[in-house]
mmCIF file of all heavy atoms, coordinates in Angstrom:
data_MODEL
# 
_entry.id   MODEL 
# 
loop_
_atom_site.group_PDB 
_atom_site.id 
_atom_site.type_symbol 
_atom_site.label_atom_id 
_atom_site.label_alt_id 
_atom_site.label_comp_id 
_atom_site.label_asym_id 
_atom_site.label_entity_id 
_atom_site.label_seq_id 
_atom_site.pdbx_PDB_ins_code 
_atom_site.Cartn_x 
_atom_site.Cartn_y 
_atom_site.Cartn_z 
_atom_site.occupancy 
_atom_site.B_iso_or_equiv 
_atom_site.pdbx_formal_charge 
_atom_site.auth_seq_id 
_atom_site.auth_comp_id 
_atom_site.auth_asym_id 
_atom_site.auth_atom_id 
_atom_site.pdbx_PDB_model_num 
ATOM 1   N N   . SER A 1 1  ? 7.216   3.957   6.969   1.00 0.00 ? 1  SER A N   1 
ATOM 2   C CA  . SER A 1 1  ? 7.228   5.381   7.015   1.00 0.00 ? 1  SER A CA  1 
ATOM 3   C C   . SER A 1 1  ? 8.619   5.832   6.903   1.00 0.00 ? 1  SER A C   1 
ATOM 4   O O   . SER A 1 1  ? 9.620   5.223   7.362   1.00 0.00 ? 1  SER A O   1 
ATOM 5   C CB  . SER A 1 1  ? 6.385   5.981   8.037   1.00 0.00 ? 1  SER A CB  1 
ATOM 6   O OG  . SER A 1 1  ? 7.015   5.703   9.306   1.00 0.00 ? 1  SER A OG  1 
ATOM 7   N N   . PHE A 1 2  ? 8.847   7.204   6.592   1.00 0.00 ? 2  PHE A N   1 
ATOM 8   C CA  . PHE A 1 2  ? 10.106  7.798   6.710   1.00 0.00 ? 2  PHE A CA  1 
ATOM 9   C C   . PHE A 1 2  ? 9.862   9.342   6.666   1.00 0.00 ? 2  PHE A C   1 
ATOM 10  O O   . PHE A 1 2  ? 8.916   9.821   6.185   1.00 0.00 ? 2  PHE A O   1 
ATOM 11  C CB  . PHE A 1 2  ? 11.122  7.402   5.615   1.00 0.00 ? 2  PHE A CB  1 
ATOM 12  C CG  . PHE A 1 2  ? 10.701  7.859   4.186   1.00 0.00 ? 2  PHE A CG  1 
ATOM 13  C CD1 . PHE A 1 2  ? 11.089  9.054   3.655   1.00 0.00 ? 2  PHE A CD1 1 
ATOM 14  C CD2 . PHE A 1 2  ? 9.801   6.974   3.428   1.00 0.00 ? 2  PHE A CD2 1 
ATOM 15  C CE1 . PHE A 1 2  ? 10.651  9.405   2.388   1.00 0.00 ? 2  PHE A CE1 1 
ATOM 16  C CE2 . PHE A 1 2  ? 9.463   7.355   2.115   1.00 0.00 ? 2  PHE A CE2 1 
ATOM 17  C CZ  . PHE A 1 2  ? 9.897   8.603   1.582   1.00 0.00 ? 2  PHE A CZ  1 
ATOM 18  N N   . GLN A 1 3  ? 10.764  10.023  7.387   1.00 0.00 ? 3  GLN A N   1 
ATOM 19  C CA  . GLN A 1 3  ? 10.608  11.489  7.413   1.00 0.00 ? 3  GLN A CA  1 
ATOM 20  C C   . GLN A 1 3  ? 11.779  12.188  6.806   1.00 0.00 ? 3  GLN A C   1 
ATOM 21  O O   . GLN A 1 3  ? 12.988  11.872  7.101   1.00 0.00 ? 3  GLN A O   1 
ATOM 22  C CB  . GLN A 1 3  ? 10.548  11.906  8.914   1.00 0.00 ? 3  GLN A CB  1 
ATOM 23  C CG  . GLN A 1 3  ? 10.260  13.368  9.071   1.00 0.00 ? 3  GLN A CG  1 
ATOM 24  C CD  . GLN A 1 3  ? 10.006  13.815  10.539  1.00 0.00 ? 3  GLN A CD  1 
ATOM 25  O OE1 . GLN A 1 3  ? 9.769   12.998  11.460  1.00 0.00 ? 3  GLN A OE1 1 
ATOM 26  N NE2 . GLN A 1 3  ? 10.275  15.115  10.848  1.00 0.00 ? 3  GLN A NE2 1 
ATOM 27  N N   . VAL A 1 4  ? 11.508  13.128  5.924   1.00 0.00 ? 4  VAL A N   1 
ATOM 28  C CA  . VAL A 1 4  ? 12.438  14.042  5.368   1.00 0.00 ? 4  VAL A CA  1 
ATOM 29  C C   . VAL A 1 4  ? 12.065  15.422  5.701   1.00 0.00 ? 4  VAL A C   1 
ATOM 30  O O   . VAL A 1 4  ? 10.913  15.871  5.287   1.00 0.00 ? 4  VAL A O   1 
ATOM 31  C CB  . VAL A 1 4  ? 12.548  13.871  3.870   1.00 0.00 ? 4  VAL A CB  1 
ATOM 32  C CG1 . VAL A 1 4  ? 13.466  14.900  3.189   1.00 0.00 ? 4  VAL A CG1 1 
ATOM 33  C CG2 . VAL A 1 4  ? 13.042  12.370  3.506   1.00 0.00 ? 4  VAL A CG2 1 
ATOM 34  N N   . GLY A 1 5  ? 12.996  16.249  6.344   1.00 0.00 ? 5  GLY A N   1 
ATOM 35  C CA  . GLY A 1 5  ? 12.553  17.558  6.803   1.00 0.00 ? 5  GLY A CA  1 
ATOM 36  C C   . GLY A 1 5  ? 11.289  17.475  7.617   1.00 0.00 ? 5  GLY A C   1 
ATOM 37  O O   . GLY A 1 5  ? 11.246  16.647  8.649   1.00 0.00 ? 5  GLY A O   1 
ATOM 38  N N   . SER A 1 6  ? 10.282  18.297  7.326   1.00 0.00 ? 6  SER A N   1 
ATOM 39  C CA  . SER A 1 6  ? 9.076   18.279  8.125   1.00 0.00 ? 6  SER A CA  1 
ATOM 40  C C   . SER A 1 6  ? 7.971   17.487  7.552   1.00 0.00 ? 6  SER A C   1 
ATOM 41  O O   . SER A 1 6  ? 6.786   17.574  7.852   1.00 0.00 ? 6  SER A O   1 
ATOM 42  C CB  . SER A 1 6  ? 8.587   19.702  8.358   1.00 0.00 ? 6  SER A CB  1 
ATOM 43  O OG  . SER A 1 6  ? 8.390   20.298  7.093   1.00 0.00 ? 6  SER A OG  1 
ATOM 44  N N   . VAL A 1 7  ? 8.309   16.594  6.552   1.00 0.00 ? 7  VAL A N   1 
ATOM 45  C CA  . VAL A 1 7  ? 7.311   15.787  5.820   1.00 0.00 ? 7  VAL A CA  1 
ATOM 46  C C   . VAL A 1 7  ? 7.440   14.296  6.231   1.00 0.00 ? 7  VAL A C   1 
ATOM 47  O O   . VAL A 1 7  ? 8.573   13.700  6.099   1.00 0.00 ? 7  VAL A O   1 
ATOM 48  C CB  . VAL A 1 7  ? 7.509   15.912  4.322   1.00 0.00 ? 7  VAL A CB  1 
ATOM 49  C CG1 . VAL A 1 7  ? 6.539   15.043  3.560   1.00 0.00 ? 7  VAL A CG1 1 
ATOM 50  C CG2 . VAL A 1 7  ? 7.382   17.361  3.823   1.00 0.00 ? 7  VAL A CG2 1 
ATOM 51  N N   . LEU A 1 8  ? 6.300   13.754  6.742   1.00 0.00 ? 8  LEU A N   1 
ATOM 52  C CA  . LEU A 1 8  ? 6.343   12.323  6.985   1.00 0.00 ? 8  LEU A CA  1 
ATOM 53  C C   . LEU A 1 8  ? 5.650   11.682  5.860   1.00 0.00 ? 8  LEU A C   1 
ATOM 54  O O   . LEU A 1 8  ? 4.433   11.962  5.528   1.00 0.00 ? 8  LEU A O   1 
ATOM 55  C CB  . LEU A 1 8  ? 5.527   12.020  8.299   1.00 0.00 ? 8  LEU A CB  1 
ATOM 56  C CG  . LEU A 1 8  ? 5.443   10.544  8.601   1.00 0.00 ? 8  LEU A CG  1 
ATOM 57  C CD1 . LEU A 1 8  ? 6.733   9.958   9.089   1.00 0.00 ? 8  LEU A CD1 1 
ATOM 58  C CD2 . LEU A 1 8  ? 4.417   10.274  9.648   1.00 0.00 ? 8  LEU A CD2 1 
ATOM 59  N N   . CYS A 1 9  ? 6.329   10.694  5.174   1.00 0.00 ? 9  CYS A N   1 
ATOM 60  C CA  . CYS A 1 9  ? 5.748   9.932   4.156   1.00 0.00 ? 9  CYS A CA  1 
ATOM 61  C C   . CYS A 1 9  ? 5.448   8.534   4.659   1.00 0.00 ? 9  CYS A C   1 
ATOM 62  O O   . CYS A 1 9  ? 6.199   7.863   5.316   1.00 0.00 ? 9  CYS A O   1 
ATOM 63  C CB  . CYS A 1 9  ? 6.746   9.791   2.991   1.00 0.00 ? 9  CYS A CB  1 
ATOM 64  S SG  . CYS A 1 9  ? 7.188   11.347  2.150   1.00 0.00 ? 9  CYS A SG  1 
ATOM 65  N N   . VAL A 1 10 ? 4.211   8.089   4.294   1.00 0.00 ? 10 VAL A N   1 
ATOM 66  C CA  . VAL A 1 10 ? 3.694   6.901   4.907   1.00 0.00 ? 10 VAL A CA  1 
ATOM 67  C C   . VAL A 1 10 ? 3.259   6.028   3.683   1.00 0.00 ? 10 VAL A C   1 
ATOM 68  O O   . VAL A 1 10 ? 2.398   6.375   2.868   1.00 0.00 ? 10 VAL A O   1 
ATOM 69  C CB  . VAL A 1 10 ? 2.476   7.082   5.830   1.00 0.00 ? 10 VAL A CB  1 
ATOM 70  C CG1 . VAL A 1 10 ? 2.006   5.726   6.327   1.00 0.00 ? 10 VAL A CG1 1 
ATOM 71  C CG2 . VAL A 1 10 ? 2.851   8.000   6.919   1.00 0.00 ? 10 VAL A CG2 1 
ATOM 72  N N   . SER A 1 11 ? 3.872   4.802   3.536   1.00 0.00 ? 11 SER A N   1 
ATOM 73  C CA  . SER A 1 11 ? 3.595   3.924   2.446   1.00 0.00 ? 11 SER A CA  1 
ATOM 74  C C   . SER A 1 11 ? 2.711   2.833   3.032   1.00 0.00 ? 11 SER A C   1 
ATOM 75  O O   . SER A 1 11 ? 2.982   2.160   3.961   1.00 0.00 ? 11 SER A O   1 
ATOM 76  C CB  . SER A 1 11 ? 4.880   3.341   1.882   1.00 0.00 ? 11 SER A CB  1 
ATOM 77  O OG  . SER A 1 11 ? 4.546   2.380   0.873   1.00 0.00 ? 11 SER A OG  1 
ATOM 78  N N   . ILE A 1 12 ? 1.518   2.598   2.238   1.00 0.00 ? 12 ILE A N   1 
ATOM 79  C CA  . ILE A 1 12 ? 0.535   1.701   2.776   1.00 0.00 ? 12 ILE A CA  1 
ATOM 80  C C   . ILE A 1 12 ? 0.361   0.532   1.662   1.00 0.00 ? 12 ILE A C   1 
ATOM 81  O O   . ILE A 1 12 ? 0.350   0.851   0.534   1.00 0.00 ? 12 ILE A O   1 
ATOM 82  C CB  . ILE A 1 12 ? -0.802  2.401   2.964   1.00 0.00 ? 12 ILE A CB  1 
ATOM 83  C CG1 . ILE A 1 12 ? -0.698  3.436   4.172   1.00 0.00 ? 12 ILE A CG1 1 
ATOM 84  C CG2 . ILE A 1 12 ? -1.999  1.476   3.276   1.00 0.00 ? 12 ILE A CG2 1 
ATOM 85  C CD1 . ILE A 1 12 ? -1.910  4.227   4.365   1.00 0.00 ? 12 ILE A CD1 1 
ATOM 86  N N   . ASP A 1 13 ? 0.100   -0.681  2.163   1.00 0.00 ? 13 ASP A N   1 
ATOM 87  C CA  . ASP A 1 13 ? -0.301  -1.742  1.313   1.00 0.00 ? 13 ASP A CA  1 
ATOM 88  C C   . ASP A 1 13 ? -1.737  -1.832  1.123   1.00 0.00 ? 13 ASP A C   1 
ATOM 89  O O   . ASP A 1 13 ? -2.518  -2.347  2.010   1.00 0.00 ? 13 ASP A O   1 
ATOM 90  C CB  . ASP A 1 13 ? 0.226   -3.103  1.841   1.00 0.00 ? 13 ASP A CB  1 
ATOM 91  C CG  . ASP A 1 13 ? -0.006  -4.307  0.874   1.00 0.00 ? 13 ASP A CG  1 
ATOM 92  O OD1 . ASP A 1 13 ? -0.561  -4.046  -0.225  1.00 0.00 ? 13 ASP A OD1 1 
ATOM 93  O OD2 . ASP A 1 13 ? 0.383   -5.400  1.282   1.00 0.00 ? 13 ASP A OD2 1 
ATOM 94  N N   . GLY A 1 14 ? -2.283  -1.302  0.036   1.00 0.00 ? 14 GLY A N   1 
ATOM 95  C CA  . GLY A 1 14 ? -3.733  -1.257  -0.151  1.00 0.00 ? 14 GLY A CA  1 
ATOM 96  C C   . GLY A 1 14 ? -4.280  -2.620  -0.496  1.00 0.00 ? 14 GLY A C   1 
ATOM 97  O O   . GLY A 1 14 ? -5.525  -2.809  -0.387  1.00 0.00 ? 14 GLY A O   1 
ATOM 98  N N   . ASN A 1 15 ? -3.507  -3.673  -0.868  1.00 0.00 ? 15 ASN A N   1 
ATOM 99  C CA  . ASN A 1 15 ? -4.045  -4.966  -1.021  1.00 0.00 ? 15 ASN A CA  1 
ATOM 100 C C   . ASN A 1 15 ? -4.547  -5.601  0.209   1.00 0.00 ? 15 ASN A C   1 
ATOM 101 O O   . ASN A 1 15 ? -5.367  -6.481  0.153   1.00 0.00 ? 15 ASN A O   1 
ATOM 102 C CB  . ASN A 1 15 ? -2.870  -5.851  -1.608  1.00 0.00 ? 15 ASN A CB  1 
ATOM 103 C CG  . ASN A 1 15 ? -2.393  -5.384  -2.983  1.00 0.00 ? 15 ASN A CG  1 
ATOM 104 O OD1 . ASN A 1 15 ? -3.143  -5.034  -3.789  1.00 0.00 ? 15 ASN A OD1 1 
ATOM 105 N ND2 . ASN A 1 15 ? -1.067  -5.422  -3.138  1.00 0.00 ? 15 ASN A ND2 1 
ATOM 106 N N   . ASP A 1 16 ? -4.091  -5.149  1.304   1.00 0.00 ? 16 ASP A N   1 
ATOM 107 C CA  . ASP A 1 16 ? -4.532  -5.637  2.647   1.00 0.00 ? 16 ASP A CA  1 
ATOM 108 C C   . ASP A 1 16 ? -5.927  -4.901  2.993   1.00 0.00 ? 16 ASP A C   1 
ATOM 109 O O   . ASP A 1 16 ? -6.679  -5.452  3.821   1.00 0.00 ? 16 ASP A O   1 
ATOM 110 C CB  . ASP A 1 16 ? -3.542  -5.260  3.767   1.00 0.00 ? 16 ASP A CB  1 
ATOM 111 C CG  . ASP A 1 16 ? -3.884  -5.708  5.103   1.00 0.00 ? 16 ASP A CG  1 
ATOM 112 O OD1 . ASP A 1 16 ? -4.454  -6.879  5.214   1.00 0.00 ? 16 ASP A OD1 1 
ATOM 113 O OD2 . ASP A 1 16 ? -3.594  -5.024  6.027   1.00 0.00 ? 16 ASP A OD2 1 
ATOM 114 N N   . ILE A 1 17 ? -6.220  -3.794  2.372   1.00 0.00 ? 17 ILE A N   1 
ATOM 115 C CA  . ILE A 1 17 ? -7.369  -2.953  2.742   1.00 0.00 ? 17 ILE A CA  1 
ATOM 116 C C   . ILE A 1 17 ? -8.468  -3.090  1.751   1.00 0.00 ? 17 ILE A C   1 
ATOM 117 O O   . ILE A 1 17 ? -9.689  -3.064  2.103   1.00 0.00 ? 17 ILE A O   1 
ATOM 118 C CB  . ILE A 1 17 ? -6.891  -1.467  2.914   1.00 0.00 ? 17 ILE A CB  1 
ATOM 119 C CG1 . ILE A 1 17 ? -5.731  -1.404  3.892   1.00 0.00 ? 17 ILE A CG1 1 
ATOM 120 C CG2 . ILE A 1 17 ? -8.068  -0.654  3.413   1.00 0.00 ? 17 ILE A CG2 1 
ATOM 121 C CD1 . ILE A 1 17 ? -6.009  -1.838  5.307   1.00 0.00 ? 17 ILE A CD1 1 
ATOM 122 N N   . ALA A 1 18 ? -8.197  -2.987  0.521   1.00 0.00 ? 18 ALA A N   1 
ATOM 123 C CA  . ALA A 1 18 ? -9.182  -2.838  -0.581  1.00 0.00 ? 18 ALA A CA  1 
ATOM 124 C C   . ALA A 1 18 ? -10.064 -4.089  -0.731  1.00 0.00 ? 18 ALA A C   1 
ATOM 125 O O   . ALA A 1 18 ? -9.532  -5.264  -0.618  1.00 0.00 ? 18 ALA A O   1 
ATOM 126 C CB  . ALA A 1 18 ? -8.552  -2.553  -1.910  1.00 0.00 ? 18 ALA A CB  1 
ATOM 127 N N   . VAL A 1 19 ? -11.376 -3.961  -0.901  1.00 0.00 ? 19 VAL A N   1 
ATOM 128 C CA  . VAL A 1 19 ? -12.163 -5.107  -1.118  1.00 0.00 ? 19 VAL A CA  1 
ATOM 129 C C   . VAL A 1 19 ? -12.191 -5.611  -2.626  1.00 0.00 ? 19 VAL A C   1 
ATOM 130 O O   . VAL A 1 19 ? -12.548 -6.779  -2.816  1.00 0.00 ? 19 VAL A O   1 
ATOM 131 C CB  . VAL A 1 19 ? -13.695 -4.640  -0.755  1.00 0.00 ? 19 VAL A CB  1 
ATOM 132 C CG1 . VAL A 1 19 ? -13.812 -4.348  0.683   1.00 0.00 ? 19 VAL A CG1 1 
ATOM 133 C CG2 . VAL A 1 19 ? -14.308 -3.715  -1.771  1.00 0.00 ? 19 VAL A CG2 1 
ATOM 134 N N   . GLU A 1 20 ? -11.627 -4.845  -3.513  1.00 0.00 ? 20 GLU A N   1 
ATOM 135 C CA  . GLU A 1 20 ? -11.641 -5.295  -4.843  1.00 0.00 ? 20 GLU A CA  1 
ATOM 136 C C   . GLU A 1 20 ? -10.785 -6.526  -5.026  1.00 0.00 ? 20 GLU A C   1 
ATOM 137 O O   . GLU A 1 20 ? -9.737  -6.672  -4.368  1.00 0.00 ? 20 GLU A O   1 
ATOM 138 C CB  . GLU A 1 20 ? -11.088 -4.183  -5.725  1.00 0.00 ? 20 GLU A CB  1 
ATOM 139 C CG  . GLU A 1 20 ? -10.949 -4.494  -7.285  1.00 0.00 ? 20 GLU A CG  1 
ATOM 140 C CD  . GLU A 1 20 ? -10.246 -3.426  -8.076  1.00 0.00 ? 20 GLU A CD  1 
ATOM 141 O OE1 . GLU A 1 20 ? -9.538  -2.646  -7.451  1.00 0.00 ? 20 GLU A OE1 1 
ATOM 142 O OE2 . GLU A 1 20 ? -10.452 -3.452  -9.322  1.00 0.00 ? 20 GLU A OE2 1 
ATOM 143 N N   . ASP A 1 21 ? -11.150 -7.407  -5.925  1.00 0.00 ? 21 ASP A N   1 
ATOM 144 C CA  . ASP A 1 21 ? -10.397 -8.656  -6.320  1.00 0.00 ? 21 ASP A CA  1 
ATOM 145 C C   . ASP A 1 21 ? -9.785  -8.448  -7.616  1.00 0.00 ? 21 ASP A C   1 
ATOM 146 O O   . ASP A 1 21 ? -10.329 -8.640  -8.595  1.00 0.00 ? 21 ASP A O   1 
ATOM 147 C CB  . ASP A 1 21 ? -11.292 -9.801  -6.202  1.00 0.00 ? 21 ASP A CB  1 
ATOM 148 C CG  . ASP A 1 21 ? -10.515 -11.045 -6.488  1.00 0.00 ? 21 ASP A CG  1 
ATOM 149 O OD1 . ASP A 1 21 ? -9.276  -11.106 -6.650  1.00 0.00 ? 21 ASP A OD1 1 
ATOM 150 O OD2 . ASP A 1 21 ? -11.120 -12.242 -6.422  1.00 0.00 ? 21 ASP A OD2 1 
ATOM 151 N N   . ASP A 1 22 ? -8.490  -7.892  -7.662  1.00 0.00 ? 22 ASP A N   1 
ATOM 152 C CA  . ASP A 1 22 ? -7.877  -7.607  -8.939  1.00 0.00 ? 22 ASP A CA  1 
ATOM 153 C C   . ASP A 1 22 ? -6.432  -8.001  -8.831  1.00 0.00 ? 22 ASP A C   1 
ATOM 154 O O   . ASP A 1 22 ? -5.520  -7.222  -8.756  1.00 0.00 ? 22 ASP A O   1 
ATOM 155 C CB  . ASP A 1 22 ? -7.991  -6.049  -9.271  1.00 0.00 ? 22 ASP A CB  1 
ATOM 156 C CG  . ASP A 1 22 ? -7.341  -5.756  -10.588 1.00 0.00 ? 22 ASP A CG  1 
ATOM 157 O OD1 . ASP A 1 22 ? -7.193  -6.719  -11.408 1.00 0.00 ? 22 ASP A OD1 1 
ATOM 158 O OD2 . ASP A 1 22 ? -6.994  -4.574  -10.767 1.00 0.00 ? 22 ASP A OD2 1 
ATOM 159 N N   . SER A 1 23 ? -6.190  -9.324  -8.778  1.00 0.00 ? 23 SER A N   1 
ATOM 160 C CA  . SER A 1 23 ? -4.845  -9.806  -8.574  1.00 0.00 ? 23 SER A CA  1 
ATOM 161 C C   . SER A 1 23 ? -4.599  -10.980 -9.514  1.00 0.00 ? 23 SER A C   1 
ATOM 162 O O   . SER A 1 23 ? -5.428  -11.342 -10.371 1.00 0.00 ? 23 SER A O   1 
ATOM 163 C CB  . SER A 1 23 ? -4.666  -10.187 -7.130  1.00 0.00 ? 23 SER A CB  1 
ATOM 164 O OG  . SER A 1 23 ? -5.657  -11.073 -6.666  1.00 0.00 ? 23 SER A OG  1 
ATOM 165 N N   . SER A 1 24 ? -3.452  -11.664 -9.336  1.00 0.00 ? 24 SER A N   1 
ATOM 166 C CA  . SER A 1 24 ? -3.081  -12.748 -10.193 1.00 0.00 ? 24 SER A CA  1 
ATOM 167 C C   . SER A 1 24 ? -3.950  -13.956 -10.021 1.00 0.00 ? 24 SER A C   1 
ATOM 168 O O   . SER A 1 24 ? -4.566  -14.122 -8.906  1.00 0.00 ? 24 SER A O   1 
ATOM 169 C CB  . SER A 1 24 ? -1.566  -13.079 -9.898  1.00 0.00 ? 24 SER A CB  1 
ATOM 170 O OG  . SER A 1 24 ? -0.763  -12.127 -10.122 1.00 0.00 ? 24 SER A OG  1 
ATOM 171 N N   . LEU A 1 25 ? -4.035  -14.734 -11.127 1.00 0.00 ? 25 LEU A N   1 
ATOM 172 C CA  . LEU A 1 25 ? -4.666  -16.015 -11.044 1.00 0.00 ? 25 LEU A CA  1 
ATOM 173 C C   . LEU A 1 25 ? -3.693  -17.069 -10.845 1.00 0.00 ? 25 LEU A C   1 
ATOM 174 O O   . LEU A 1 25 ? -2.584  -17.100 -11.461 1.00 0.00 ? 25 LEU A O   1 
ATOM 175 C CB  . LEU A 1 25 ? -5.424  -16.325 -12.341 1.00 0.00 ? 25 LEU A CB  1 
ATOM 176 C CG  . LEU A 1 25 ? -6.663  -15.521 -12.692 1.00 0.00 ? 25 LEU A CG  1 
ATOM 177 C CD1 . LEU A 1 25 ? -7.296  -15.878 -14.024 1.00 0.00 ? 25 LEU A CD1 1 
ATOM 178 C CD2 . LEU A 1 25 ? -7.688  -15.662 -11.599 1.00 0.00 ? 25 LEU A CD2 1 
ATOM 179 N N   . ASP A 1 26 ? -3.926  -17.941 -9.912  1.00 0.00 ? 26 ASP A N   1 
ATOM 180 C CA  . ASP A 1 26 ? -2.974  -19.161 -9.650  1.00 0.00 ? 26 ASP A CA  1 
ATOM 181 C C   . ASP A 1 26 ? -3.216  -20.058 -10.851 1.00 0.00 ? 26 ASP A C   1 
ATOM 182 O O   . ASP A 1 26 ? -4.339  -20.635 -10.878 1.00 0.00 ? 26 ASP A O   1 
ATOM 183 C CB  . ASP A 1 26 ? -3.295  -19.694 -8.339  1.00 0.00 ? 26 ASP A CB  1 
ATOM 184 C CG  . ASP A 1 26 ? -2.297  -20.844 -7.913  1.00 0.00 ? 26 ASP A CG  1 
ATOM 185 O OD1 . ASP A 1 26 ? -1.751  -21.430 -8.868  1.00 0.00 ? 26 ASP A OD1 1 
ATOM 186 O OD2 . ASP A 1 26 ? -2.130  -21.045 -6.738  1.00 0.00 ? 26 ASP A OD2 1 
ATOM 187 N N   . PRO A 1 27 ? -2.264  -20.423 -11.647 1.00 0.00 ? 27 PRO A N   1 
ATOM 188 C CA  . PRO A 1 27 ? -2.429  -21.329 -12.791 1.00 0.00 ? 27 PRO A CA  1 
ATOM 189 C C   . PRO A 1 27 ? -2.964  -22.802 -12.271 1.00 0.00 ? 27 PRO A C   1 
ATOM 190 O O   . PRO A 1 27 ? -3.619  -23.515 -13.003 1.00 0.00 ? 27 PRO A O   1 
ATOM 191 C CB  . PRO A 1 27 ? -1.177  -21.356 -13.461 1.00 0.00 ? 27 PRO A CB  1 
ATOM 192 C CG  . PRO A 1 27 ? -0.392  -20.098 -13.049 1.00 0.00 ? 27 PRO A CG  1 
ATOM 193 C CD  . PRO A 1 27 ? -0.892  -19.793 -11.680 1.00 0.00 ? 27 PRO A CD  1 
# 
């Protein structure tokens, strides 16, 4: 996260949360 002025921006890793399997295939 980082704060600019009165805005807190929060960056989240959805790959840790989402149930969908939409990623690379290991060759």
